[in-house]
Amino acid sequence: MLAKQRIGICRSNTSFLSPEYQHILDNADDLQAQYRKQPCHLERLYGMITDLYIDKYKFKGVNVKSRVPQLLEILDNYGSLNIQHLVNFFQAP
């Protein structure tokens, strides 16, 4: 929406834009709402993964709560790491 205001166009005059950009402008409100929800979804996923990790070792009688910050760091840096790093962390108490 802000981009549309900046370039001073109205919805009826978007023919010069590519179909992709027209779609973005036409759905700007919905896209912005989805973007605002992303942190909530990510936090929920982090919580589920953390709970699974704690519960896995709780059933074995091992308290791993002190390792949760390391797990969160791995999740935060997941893009630069591979899945095996996360799997290895889950397998080692």
PDB file of N, CA and C in Angstrom:
ATOM      1  N   MET A   1       0.816  -1.175   0.000  1.00  0.00           N
ATOM      2  CA  MET A   1       0.000   0.000   0.000  1.00  0.00           C
ATOM      3  C   MET A   1       0.870   1.252   0.000  1.00  0.00           C
ATOM      4  N   LEU A   2       1.880   1.256   0.833  1.00  0.00           N
ATOM      5  CA  LEU A   2       2.767   2.404   0.902  1.00  0.00           C
ATOM      6  C   LEU A   2       3.483   2.619  -0.422  1.00  0.00           C
ATOM      7  N   ALA A   3       3.888   1.538  -1.056  1.00  0.00           N
ATOM      8  CA  ALA A   3       4.559   1.652  -2.355  1.00  0.00           C
ATOM      9  C   ALA A   3       3.628   2.286  -3.370  1.00  0.00           C
ATOM     10  N   LYS A   4       2.384   1.906  -3.325  1.00  0.00           N
ATOM     11  CA  LYS A   4       1.403   2.474  -4.250  1.00  0.00           C
ATOM     12  C   LYS A   4       1.267   3.970  -4.014  1.00  0.00           C
ATOM     13  N   GLN A   5       1.259   4.383  -2.766  1.00  0.00           N
ATOM     14  CA  GLN A   5       1.164   5.801  -2.447  1.00  0.00           C
ATOM     15  C   GLN A   5       2.417   6.542  -2.899  1.00  0.00           C
ATOM     16  N   ARG A   6       3.557   5.917  -2.744  1.00  0.00           N
ATOM     17  CA  ARG A   6       4.813   6.572  -3.116  1.00  0.00           C
ATOM     18  C   ARG A   6       4.907   6.840  -4.612  1.00  0.00           C
ATOM     19  N   ILE A   7       4.467   5.899  -5.421  1.00  0.00           N
ATOM     20  CA  ILE A   7       4.578   6.124  -6.862  1.00  0.00           C
ATOM     21  C   ILE A   7       3.349   6.816  -7.428  1.00  0.00           C
ATOM     22  N   GLY A   8       2.352   7.059  -6.580  1.00  0.00           N
ATOM     23  CA  GLY A   8       1.210   7.868  -6.967  1.00  0.00           C
ATOM     24  C   GLY A   8       0.329   7.268  -8.040  1.00  0.00           C
ATOM     25  N   ILE A   9       0.046   5.991  -7.949  1.00  0.00           N
ATOM     26  CA  ILE A   9      -0.831   5.377  -8.936  1.00  0.00           C
ATOM     27  C   ILE A   9      -2.111   4.934  -8.258  1.00  0.00           C
ATOM     28  N   CYS A  10      -3.140   4.766  -9.041  1.00  0.00           N
ATOM     29  CA  CYS A  10      -4.385   4.234  -8.504  1.00  0.00           C
ATOM     30  C   CYS A  10      -4.565   2.820  -9.029  1.00  0.00           C
ATOM     31  N   ARG A  11      -5.486   2.075  -8.456  1.00  0.00           N
ATOM     32  CA  ARG A  11      -5.673   0.674  -8.821  1.00  0.00           C
ATOM     33  C   ARG A  11      -6.006   0.502 -10.299  1.00  0.00           C
ATOM     34  N   SER A  12      -6.660   1.446 -10.893  1.00  0.00           N
ATOM     35  CA  SER A  12      -7.056   1.294 -12.296  1.00  0.00           C
ATOM     36  C   SER A  12      -5.901   1.524 -13.265  1.00  0.00           C
ATOM     37  N   ASN A  13      -4.801   2.063 -12.790  1.00  0.00           N
ATOM     38  CA  ASN A  13      -3.688   2.378 -13.680  1.00  0.00           C
ATOM     39  C   ASN A  13      -2.442   1.578 -13.300  1.00  0.00           C
ATOM     40  N   THR A  14      -2.571   0.273 -13.276  1.00  0.00           N
ATOM     41  CA  THR A  14      -1.419  -0.579 -12.955  1.00  0.00           C
ATOM     42  C   THR A  14      -1.017  -1.441 -14.140  1.00  0.00           C
ATOM     43  N   SER A  15      -1.499  -1.092 -15.311  1.00  0.00           N
ATOM     44  CA  SER A  15      -1.252  -1.927 -16.491  1.00  0.00           C
ATOM     45  C   SER A  15       0.225  -1.995 -16.869  1.00  0.00           C
ATOM     46  N   PHE A  16       0.995  -0.996 -16.481  1.00  0.00           N
ATOM     47  CA  PHE A  16       2.419  -1.003 -16.826  1.00  0.00           C
ATOM     48  C   PHE A  16       3.235  -1.928 -15.923  1.00  0.00           C
ATOM     49  N   LEU A  17       2.626  -2.402 -14.840  1.00  0.00           N
ATOM     50  CA  LEU A  17       3.325  -3.300 -13.925  1.00  0.00           C
ATOM     51  C   LEU A  17       3.229  -4.741 -14.409  1.00  0.00           C
ATOM     52  N   SER A  18       4.202  -5.538 -14.028  1.00  0.00           N
ATOM     53  CA  SER A  18       4.157  -6.966 -14.360  1.00  0.00           C
ATOM     54  C   SER A  18       2.993  -7.600 -13.600  1.00  0.00           C
ATOM     55  N   PRO A  19       2.491  -8.730 -14.078  1.00  0.00           N
ATOM     56  CA  PRO A  19       1.388  -9.402 -13.372  1.00  0.00           C
ATOM     57  C   PRO A  19       1.721  -9.708 -11.907  1.00  0.00           C
ATOM     58  N   GLU A  20       2.979 -10.039 -11.656  1.00  0.00           N
ATOM     59  CA  GLU A  20       3.393 -10.334 -10.280  1.00  0.00           C
ATOM     60  C   GLU A  20       3.205  -9.115  -9.381  1.00  0.00           C
ATOM     61  N   TYR A  21       3.643  -7.949  -9.847  1.00  0.00           N
ATOM     62  CA  TYR A  21       3.511  -6.732  -9.051  1.00  0.00           C
ATOM     63  C   TYR A  21       2.062  -6.277  -8.955  1.00  0.00           C
ATOM     64  N   GLN A  22       1.294  -6.503  -9.993  1.00  0.00           N
ATOM     65  CA  GLN A  22      -0.133  -6.189  -9.925  1.00  0.00           C
ATOM     66  C   GLN A  22      -0.804  -7.033  -8.844  1.00  0.00           C
ATOM     67  N   HIS A  23      -0.441  -8.308  -8.806  1.00  0.00           N
ATOM     68  CA  HIS A  23      -0.997  -9.206  -7.785  1.00  0.00           C
ATOM     69  C   HIS A  23      -0.613  -8.726  -6.383  1.00  0.00           C
ATOM     70  N   ILE A  24       0.623  -8.320  -6.214  1.00  0.00           N
ATOM     71  CA  ILE A  24       1.083  -7.835  -4.909  1.00  0.00           C
ATOM     72  C   ILE A  24       0.295  -6.604  -4.492  1.00  0.00           C
ATOM     73  N   LEU A  25       0.119  -5.661  -5.402  1.00  0.00           N
ATOM     74  CA  LEU A  25      -0.637  -4.455  -5.075  1.00  0.00           C
ATOM     75  C   LEU A  25      -2.097  -4.768  -4.786  1.00  0.00           C
ATOM     76  N   ASP A  26      -2.679  -5.650  -5.562  1.00  0.00           N
ATOM     77  CA  ASP A  26      -4.089  -5.997  -5.368  1.00  0.00           C
ATOM     78  C   ASP A  26      -4.325  -6.719  -4.045  1.00  0.00           C
ATOM     79  N   ASN A  27      -3.327  -7.432  -3.574  1.00  0.00           N
ATOM     80  CA  ASN A  27      -3.467  -8.220  -2.348  1.00  0.00           C
ATOM     81  C   ASN A  27      -2.608  -7.681  -1.208  1.00  0.00           C
ATOM     82  N   ALA A  28      -2.275  -6.414  -1.252  1.00  0.00           N
ATOM     83  CA  ALA A  28      -1.356  -5.821  -0.286  1.00  0.00           C
ATOM     84  C   ALA A  28      -1.838  -5.978   1.154  1.00  0.00           C
ATOM     85  N   ASP A  29      -3.110  -5.738   1.399  1.00  0.00           N
ATOM     86  CA  ASP A  29      -3.615  -5.831   2.773  1.00  0.00           C
ATOM     87  C   ASP A  29      -3.480  -7.249   3.321  1.00  0.00           C
ATOM     88  N   ASP A  30      -3.855  -8.231   2.514  1.00  0.00           N
ATOM     89  CA  ASP A  30      -3.761  -9.628   2.941  1.00  0.00           C
ATOM     90  C   ASP A  30      -2.305 -10.040   3.146  1.00  0.00           C
ATOM     91  N   LEU A  31      -1.432  -9.620   2.240  1.00  0.00           N
ATOM     92  CA  LEU A  31      -0.013  -9.963   2.363  1.00  0.00           C
ATOM     93  C   LEU A  31       0.597  -9.347   3.616  1.00  0.00           C
ATOM     94  N   GLN A  32       0.210  -8.114   3.926  1.00  0.00           N
ATOM     95  CA  GLN A  32       0.722  -7.469   5.134  1.00  0.00           C
ATOM     96  C   GLN A  32       0.224  -8.181   6.387  1.00  0.00           C
ATOM     97  N   ALA A  33      -1.025  -8.616   6.380  1.00  0.00           N
ATOM     98  CA  ALA A  33      -1.569  -9.350   7.528  1.00  0.00           C
ATOM     99  C   ALA A  33      -0.829 -10.671   7.719  1.00  0.00           C
ATOM    100  N   GLN A  34      -0.563 -11.370   6.625  1.00  0.00           N
ATOM    101  CA  GLN A  34       0.176 -12.632   6.711  1.00  0.00           C
ATOM    102  C   GLN A  34       1.587 -12.394   7.236  1.00  0.00           C
ATOM    103  N   TYR A  35       2.220 -11.319   6.795  1.00  0.00           N
ATOM    104  CA  TYR A  35       3.575 -10.995   7.232  1.00  0.00           C
ATOM    105  C   TYR A  35       3.608 -10.728   8.740  1.00  0.00           C
ATOM    106  N   ARG A  36       2.594 -10.023   9.239  1.00  0.00           N
ATOM    107  CA  ARG A  36       2.549  -9.722  10.673  1.00  0.00           C
ATOM    108  C   ARG A  36       2.350 -10.980  11.512  1.00  0.00           C
ATOM    109  N   LYS A  37       1.733 -12.005  10.963  1.00  0.00           N
ATOM    110  CA  LYS A  37       1.488 -13.249  11.695  1.00  0.00           C
ATOM    111  C   LYS A  37       2.717 -14.152  11.741  1.00  0.00           C
ATOM    112  N   GLN A  38       3.678 -13.941  10.862  1.00  0.00           N
ATOM    113  CA  GLN A  38       4.828 -14.842  10.773  1.00  0.00           C
ATOM    114  C   GLN A  38       5.600 -15.000  12.077  1.00  0.00           C
ATOM    115  N   PRO A  39       5.913 -13.921  12.802  1.00  0.00           N
ATOM    116  CA  PRO A  39       6.645 -14.123  14.058  1.00  0.00           C
ATOM    117  C   PRO A  39       5.886 -15.010  15.038  1.00  0.00           C
ATOM    118  N   CYS A  40       4.565 -14.882  15.074  1.00  0.00           N
ATOM    119  CA  CYS A  40       3.764 -15.727  15.971  1.00  0.00           C
ATOM    120  C   CYS A  40       3.880 -17.189  15.570  1.00  0.00           C
ATOM    121  N   HIS A  41       3.820 -17.462  14.277  1.00  0.00           N
ATOM    122  CA  HIS A  41       3.936 -18.837  13.803  1.00  0.00           C
ATOM    123  C   HIS A  41       5.316 -19.401  14.130  1.00  0.00           C
ATOM    124  N   LEU A  42       6.339 -18.602  13.913  1.00  0.00           N
ATOM    125  CA  LEU A  42       7.700 -19.056  14.184  1.00  0.00           C
ATOM    126  C   LEU A  42       7.894 -19.335  15.672  1.00  0.00           C
ATOM    127  N   GLU A  43       7.398 -18.448  16.526  1.00  0.00           N
ATOM    128  CA  GLU A  43       7.512 -18.664  17.964  1.00  0.00           C
ATOM    129  C   GLU A  43       6.775 -19.931  18.386  1.00  0.00           C
ATOM    130  N   ARG A  44       5.628 -20.181  17.792  1.00  0.00           N
ATOM    131  CA  ARG A  44       4.863 -21.387  18.102  1.00  0.00           C
ATOM    132  C   ARG A  44       5.650 -22.634  17.702  1.00  0.00           C
ATOM    133  N   LEU A  45       6.272 -22.605  16.520  1.00  0.00           N
ATOM    134  CA  LEU A  45       7.080 -23.741  16.074  1.00  0.00           C
ATOM    135  C   LEU A  45       8.285 -23.954  16.987  1.00  0.00           C
ATOM    136  N   TYR A  46       8.955 -22.863  17.367  1.00  0.00           N
ATOM    137  CA  TYR A  46      10.083 -22.974  18.291  1.00  0.00           C
ATOM    138  C   TYR A  46       9.630 -23.615  19.600  1.00  0.00           C
ATOM    139  N   GLY A  47       8.480 -23.199  20.097  1.00  0.00           N
ATOM    140  CA  GLY A  47       7.949 -23.751  21.336  1.00  0.00           C
ATOM    141  C   GLY A  47       7.666 -25.236  21.229  1.00  0.00           C
ATOM    142  N   MET A  48       7.099 -25.643  20.105  1.00  0.00           N
ATOM    143  CA  MET A  48       6.791 -27.063  19.904  1.00  0.00           C
ATOM    144  C   MET A  48       8.066 -27.889  19.830  1.00  0.00           C
ATOM    145  N   ILE A  49       9.062 -27.398  19.101  1.00  0.00           N
ATOM    146  CA  ILE A  49      10.328 -28.126  18.976  1.00  0.00           C
ATOM    147  C   ILE A  49      11.019 -28.218  20.332  1.00  0.00           C
ATOM    148  N   THR A  50      11.016 -27.119  21.065  1.00  0.00           N
ATOM    149  CA  THR A  50      11.627 -27.106  22.396  1.00  0.00           C
ATOM    150  C   THR A  50      10.922 -28.083  23.330  1.00  0.00           C
ATOM    151  N   ASP A  51       9.594 -28.074  23.308  1.00  0.00           N
ATOM    152  CA  ASP A  51       8.837 -29.003  24.157  1.00  0.00           C
ATOM    153  C   ASP A  51       9.120 -30.454  23.788  1.00  0.00           C
ATOM    154  N   LEU A  52       9.195 -30.749  22.498  1.00  0.00           N
ATOM    155  CA  LEU A  52       9.507 -32.115  22.070  1.00  0.00           C
ATOM    156  C   LEU A  52      10.887 -32.543  22.562  1.00  0.00           C
ATOM    157  N   TYR A  53      11.841 -31.627  22.481  1.00  0.00           N
ATOM    158  CA  TYR A  53      13.202 -31.926  22.930  1.00  0.00           C
ATOM    159  C   TYR A  53      13.216 -32.224  24.431  1.00  0.00           C
ATOM    160  N   ILE A  54      12.577 -31.361  25.200  1.00  0.00           N
ATOM    161  CA  ILE A  54      12.536 -31.555  26.656  1.00  0.00           C
ATOM    162  C   ILE A  54      11.823 -32.858  27.005  1.00  0.00           C
ATOM    163  N   ASP A  55      10.681 -33.099  26.360  1.00  0.00           N
ATOM    164  CA  ASP A  55       9.900 -34.310  26.655  1.00  0.00           C
ATOM    165  C   ASP A  55      10.637 -35.586  26.267  1.00  0.00           C
ATOM    166  N   LYS A  56      11.368 -35.542  25.169  1.00  0.00           N
ATOM    167  CA  LYS A  56      12.122 -36.730  24.738  1.00  0.00           C
ATOM    168  C   LYS A  56      13.061 -37.190  25.847  1.00  0.00           C
ATOM    169  N   TYR A  57      13.768 -36.244  26.436  1.00  0.00           N
ATOM    170  CA  TYR A  57      14.734 -36.603  27.470  1.00  0.00           C
ATOM    171  C   TYR A  57      14.104 -36.751  28.847  1.00  0.00           C
ATOM    172  N   LYS A  58      12.962 -36.107  29.059  1.00  0.00           N
ATOM    173  CA  LYS A  58      12.255 -36.280  30.332  1.00  0.00           C
ATOM    174  C   LYS A  58      11.823 -37.735  30.492  1.00  0.00           C
ATOM    175  N   PHE A  59      11.380 -38.360  29.394  1.00  0.00           N
ATOM    176  CA  PHE A  59      10.986 -39.767  29.444  1.00  0.00           C
ATOM    177  C   PHE A  59      12.174 -40.674  29.751  1.00  0.00           C
ATOM    178  N   LYS A  60      13.367 -40.204  29.455  1.00  0.00           N
ATOM    179  CA  LYS A  60      14.576 -40.982  29.749  1.00  0.00           C
ATOM    180  C   LYS A  60      15.150 -40.629  31.117  1.00  0.00           C
ATOM    181  N   GLY A  61      14.505 -39.680  31.804  1.00  0.00           N
ATOM    182  CA  GLY A  61      14.967 -39.274  33.127  1.00  0.00           C
ATOM    183  C   GLY A  61      16.095 -38.269  33.098  1.00  0.00           C
ATOM    184  N   VAL A  62      16.260 -37.569  31.987  1.00  0.00           N
ATOM    185  CA  VAL A  62      17.346 -36.600  31.843  1.00  0.00           C
ATOM    186  C   VAL A  62      16.746 -35.199  31.732  1.00  0.00           C
ATOM    187  N   ASN A  63      17.294 -34.281  32.533  1.00  0.00           N
ATOM    188  CA  ASN A  63      16.834 -32.896  32.477  1.00  0.00           C
ATOM    189  C   ASN A  63      17.726 -32.117  31.509  1.00  0.00           C
ATOM    190  N   VAL A  64      17.149 -31.660  30.399  1.00  0.00           N
ATOM    191  CA  VAL A  64      17.928 -30.957  29.374  1.00  0.00           C
ATOM    192  C   VAL A  64      17.535 -29.485  29.253  1.00  0.00           C
ATOM    193  N   LYS A  65      16.833 -28.974  30.253  1.00  0.00           N
ATOM    194  CA  LYS A  65      16.370 -27.583  30.169  1.00  0.00           C
ATOM    195  C   LYS A  65      17.531 -26.594  30.044  1.00  0.00           C
ATOM    196  N   SER A  66      18.672 -26.953  30.581  1.00  0.00           N
ATOM    197  CA  SER A  66      19.829 -26.055  30.484  1.00  0.00           C
ATOM    198  C   SER A  66      20.366 -25.968  29.052  1.00  0.00           C
ATOM    199  N   ARG A  67      19.983 -26.923  28.207  1.00  0.00           N
ATOM    200  CA  ARG A  67      20.444 -26.923  26.811  1.00  0.00           C
ATOM    201  C   ARG A  67      19.486 -26.213  25.866  1.00  0.00           C
ATOM    202  N   VAL A  68      18.345 -25.766  26.372  1.00  0.00           N
ATOM    203  CA  VAL A  68      17.350 -25.107  25.521  1.00  0.00           C
ATOM    204  C   VAL A  68      17.924 -23.867  24.827  1.00  0.00           C
ATOM    205  N   PRO A  69      18.713 -23.021  25.505  1.00  0.00           N
ATOM    206  CA  PRO A  69      19.283 -21.876  24.781  1.00  0.00           C
ATOM    207  C   PRO A  69      20.134 -22.287  23.570  1.00  0.00           C
ATOM    208  N   GLN A  70      20.860 -23.402  23.698  1.00  0.00           N
ATOM    209  CA  GLN A  70      21.644 -23.897  22.559  1.00  0.00           C
ATOM    210  C   GLN A  70      20.726 -24.334  21.424  1.00  0.00           C
ATOM    211  N   LEU A  71      19.628 -24.993  21.783  1.00  0.00           N
ATOM    212  CA  LEU A  71      18.662 -25.421  20.770  1.00  0.00           C
ATOM    213  C   LEU A  71      18.071 -24.215  20.051  1.00  0.00           C
ATOM    214  N   LEU A  72      17.717 -23.187  20.799  1.00  0.00           N
ATOM    215  CA  LEU A  72      17.158 -21.984  20.182  1.00  0.00           C
ATOM    216  C   LEU A  72      18.172 -21.303  19.267  1.00  0.00           C
ATOM    217  N   GLU A  73      19.437 -21.341  19.657  1.00  0.00           N
ATOM    218  CA  GLU A  73      20.484 -20.767  18.805  1.00  0.00           C
ATOM    219  C   GLU A  73      20.604 -21.544  17.494  1.00  0.00           C
ATOM    220  N   ILE A  74      20.520 -22.864  17.584  1.00  0.00           N
ATOM    221  CA  ILE A  74      20.560 -23.693  16.375  1.00  0.00           C
ATOM    222  C   ILE A  74      19.372 -23.368  15.479  1.00  0.00           C
ATOM    223  N   LEU A  75      18.197 -23.232  16.083  1.00  0.00           N
ATOM    224  CA  LEU A  75      17.004 -22.907  15.295  1.00  0.00           C
ATOM    225  C   LEU A  75      17.117 -21.523  14.664  1.00  0.00           C
ATOM    226  N   ASP A  76      17.669 -20.559  15.405  1.00  0.00           N
ATOM    227  CA  ASP A  76      17.845 -19.206  14.857  1.00  0.00           C
ATOM    228  C   ASP A  76      18.805 -19.193  13.678  1.00  0.00           C
ATOM    229  N   ASN A  77      19.798 -20.072  13.711  1.00  0.00           N
ATOM    230  CA  ASN A  77      20.804 -20.120  12.648  1.00  0.00           C
ATOM    231  C   ASN A  77      20.567 -21.271  11.682  1.00  0.00           C
ATOM    232  N   TYR A  78      19.354 -21.775  11.645  1.00  0.00           N
ATOM    233  CA  TYR A  78      19.047 -22.958  10.848  1.00  0.00           C
ATOM    234  C   TYR A  78      19.374 -22.760   9.372  1.00  0.00           C
ATOM    235  N   GLY A  79      19.197 -21.568   8.851  1.00  0.00           N
ATOM    236  CA  GLY A  79      19.458 -21.320   7.434  1.00  0.00           C
ATOM    237  C   GLY A  79      20.909 -21.555   7.050  1.00  0.00           C
ATOM    238  N   SER A  80      21.829 -21.283   7.968  1.00  0.00           N
ATOM    239  CA  SER A  80      23.249 -21.459   7.652  1.00  0.00           C
ATOM    240  C   SER A  80      23.760 -22.851   8.037  1.00  0.00           C
ATOM    241  N   LEU A  81      22.929 -23.632   8.705  1.00  0.00           N
ATOM    242  CA  LEU A  81      23.310 -24.986   9.109  1.00  0.00           C
ATOM    243  C   LEU A  81      22.497 -25.988   8.311  1.00  0.00           C
ATOM    244  N   ASN A  82      22.855 -27.243   8.435  1.00  0.00           N
ATOM    245  CA  ASN A  82      22.046 -28.260   7.764  1.00  0.00           C
ATOM    246  C   ASN A  82      21.215 -29.019   8.786  1.00  0.00           C
ATOM    247  N   ILE A  83      20.296 -29.810   8.310  1.00  0.00           N
ATOM    248  CA  ILE A  83      19.389 -30.560   9.177  1.00  0.00           C
ATOM    249  C   ILE A  83      20.149 -31.520  10.085  1.00  0.00           C
ATOM    250  N   GLN A  84      21.268 -32.023   9.614  1.00  0.00           N
ATOM    251  CA  GLN A  84      22.030 -32.988  10.409  1.00  0.00           C
ATOM    252  C   GLN A  84      22.519 -32.373  11.714  1.00  0.00           C
ATOM    253  N   HIS A  85      22.844 -31.100  11.704  1.00  0.00           N
ATOM    254  CA  HIS A  85      23.287 -30.421  12.923  1.00  0.00           C
ATOM    255  C   HIS A  85      22.171 -30.446  13.974  1.00  0.00           C
ATOM    256  N   LEU A  86      20.947 -30.182  13.545  1.00  0.00           N
ATOM    257  CA  LEU A  86      19.801 -30.222  14.452  1.00  0.00           C
ATOM    258  C   LEU A  86      19.531 -31.648  14.928  1.00  0.00           C
ATOM    259  N   VAL A  87      19.619 -32.614  14.032  1.00  0.00           N
ATOM    260  CA  VAL A  87      19.411 -34.021  14.394  1.00  0.00           C
ATOM    261  C   VAL A  87      20.461 -34.461  15.409  1.00  0.00           C
ATOM    262  N   ASN A  88      21.707 -34.098  15.181  1.00  0.00           N
ATOM    263  CA  ASN A  88      22.782 -34.451  16.119  1.00  0.00           C
ATOM    264  C   ASN A  88      22.522 -33.865  17.500  1.00  0.00           C
ATOM    265  N   PHE A  89      22.027 -32.634  17.534  1.00  0.00           N
ATOM    266  CA  PHE A  89      21.731 -32.001  18.818  1.00  0.00           C
ATOM    267  C   PHE A  89      20.633 -32.770  19.547  1.00  0.00           C
ATOM    268  N   PHE A  90      19.604 -33.189  18.819  1.00  0.00           N
ATOM    269  CA  PHE A  90      18.505 -33.944  19.425  1.00  0.00           C
ATOM    270  C   PHE A  90      18.969 -35.300  19.943  1.00  0.00           C
ATOM    271  N   GLN A  91      19.952 -35.893  19.307  1.00  0.00           N
ATOM    272  CA  GLN A  91      20.396 -37.235  19.689  1.00  0.00           C
ATOM    273  C   GLN A  91      21.368 -37.231  20.862  1.00  0.00           C
ATOM    274  N   ALA A  92      22.031 -36.124  21.116  1.00  0.00           N
ATOM    275  CA  ALA A  92      23.012 -36.062  22.202  1.00  0.00           C
ATOM    276  C   ALA A  92      22.409 -35.335  23.398  1.00  0.00           C
ATOM    277  N   PRO A  93      22.327 -36.010  24.561  1.00  0.00           N
ATOM    278  CA  PRO A  93      21.733 -35.352  25.744  1.00  0.00           C
ATOM    279  C   PRO A  93      22.621 -34.290  26.348  1.00  0.00           C
TER     280      PRO A  93
END
